[in-house]
Protein backbone atom coordinates (compact mmCIF):
# COMPACT_ATOMS: atom_id res chain seq x y z
CA UNK A 1 0.01 -0.01 0.03
CA UNK A 2 1.24 3.46 -0.86
CA UNK A 3 2.12 5.17 2.44
CA UNK A 4 1.22 8.55 0.99
CA UNK A 5 -2.33 7.58 -0.02
CA UNK A 6 -3.91 8.37 3.35
CA UNK A 7 -2.12 11.69 3.38
CA UNK A 8 -3.56 12.61 -0.03
CA UNK A 9 -7.12 11.68 1.09
CA UNK A 10 -6.71 13.72 4.34
CA UNK A 11 -5.32 16.70 2.46
CA UNK A 12 -8.18 16.63 -0.08
CA UNK A 13 -10.80 16.26 2.62
CA UNK A 14 -9.20 19.10 4.66
CA UNK A 15 -8.97 21.39 1.63
CA UNK A 16 -12.63 20.63 0.70
CA UNK A 17 -13.80 21.31 4.26
CA UNK A 18 -11.84 24.59 4.41
CA UNK A 19 -13.14 25.77 1.07
CA UNK A 20 -16.74 24.83 2.02
CA UNK A 21 -16.39 26.56 5.40
CA UNK A 22 -14.93 29.63 3.77
CA UNK A 23 -17.75 29.85 1.19
CA UNK A 24 -20.38 29.39 3.86
CA UNK A 25 -18.71 31.96 6.10
CA UNK A 26 -18.50 34.37 3.24
CA UNK A 27 -22.18 33.93 2.50
CA UNK A 28 -23.01 34.45 6.21
CA UNK A 29 -20.92 37.59 6.39
CA UNK A 30 -22.43 38.89 3.19
CA UNK A 31 -25.98 38.56 4.42
CA UNK A 32 -25.00 39.90 7.85
CA UNK A 33 -26.05 36.72 9.65
CA UNK A 34 -24.09 34.93 12.27
CA UNK A 35 -22.61 31.61 11.27
CA UNK A 36 -24.85 28.76 12.38
CA UNK A 37 -23.76 26.07 14.82
CA UNK A 38 -23.08 23.56 12.01
CA UNK A 39 -20.90 26.00 10.17
CA UNK A 40 -18.78 26.54 13.27
CA UNK A 41 -18.57 22.71 13.72
CA UNK A 42 -17.60 22.42 10.10
CA UNK A 43 -14.79 24.89 10.69
CA UNK A 44 -13.53 22.90 13.63
CA UNK A 45 -13.69 19.67 11.56
CA UNK A 46 -11.65 21.35 8.83
CA UNK A 47 -9.07 22.39 11.47
CA UNK A 48 -8.93 18.92 12.89
CA UNK A 49 -8.47 17.46 9.40
CA UNK A 50 -5.58 19.88 8.82
CA UNK A 51 -4.00 18.98 12.08
CA UNK A 52 -4.41 15.24 11.35
CA UNK A 53 -2.91 15.66 7.93
CA UNK A 54 0.07 17.57 9.29
CA UNK A 55 0.64 14.97 11.98
CA UNK A 56 0.29 12.07 9.54
CA UNK A 57 2.78 13.74 7.18
CA UNK A 58 5.20 14.21 10.06
CA UNK A 59 4.91 10.55 11.02
CA UNK A 60 5.54 9.46 7.45
CA UNK A 61 8.53 11.79 7.10
CA UNK A 62 10.03 10.63 10.42
CA UNK A 63 9.46 7.05 9.43
CA UNK A 64 11.23 7.61 6.13
CA UNK A 65 14.12 9.37 7.80
CA UNK A 66 14.49 6.46 10.30
CA UNK A 67 14.46 4.02 7.38
CA UNK A 68 17.13 5.99 5.54
CA UNK A 69 19.23 6.27 8.67
CA UNK A 70 18.98 2.60 9.42
CA UNK A 71 19.95 1.63 5.85
CA UNK A 72 23.16 3.70 5.86
CA UNK A 73 26.35 1.70 6.06
């Protein structure tokens, strides 16, 4: 299994959630309404996806560096 595949899915999901949250937030600001509860939750979900993607990327990079270091002669 490609170790980068989960990262790609997380990044696409995070990007989609951020874009959707920004569009909904822009519409809410444009109509002078407060963002609804589900829009705020969507924003937090987007933030959590971004954090998860960064952590997963960090784990993959550290794993790769450990592999490179262990294979050195």
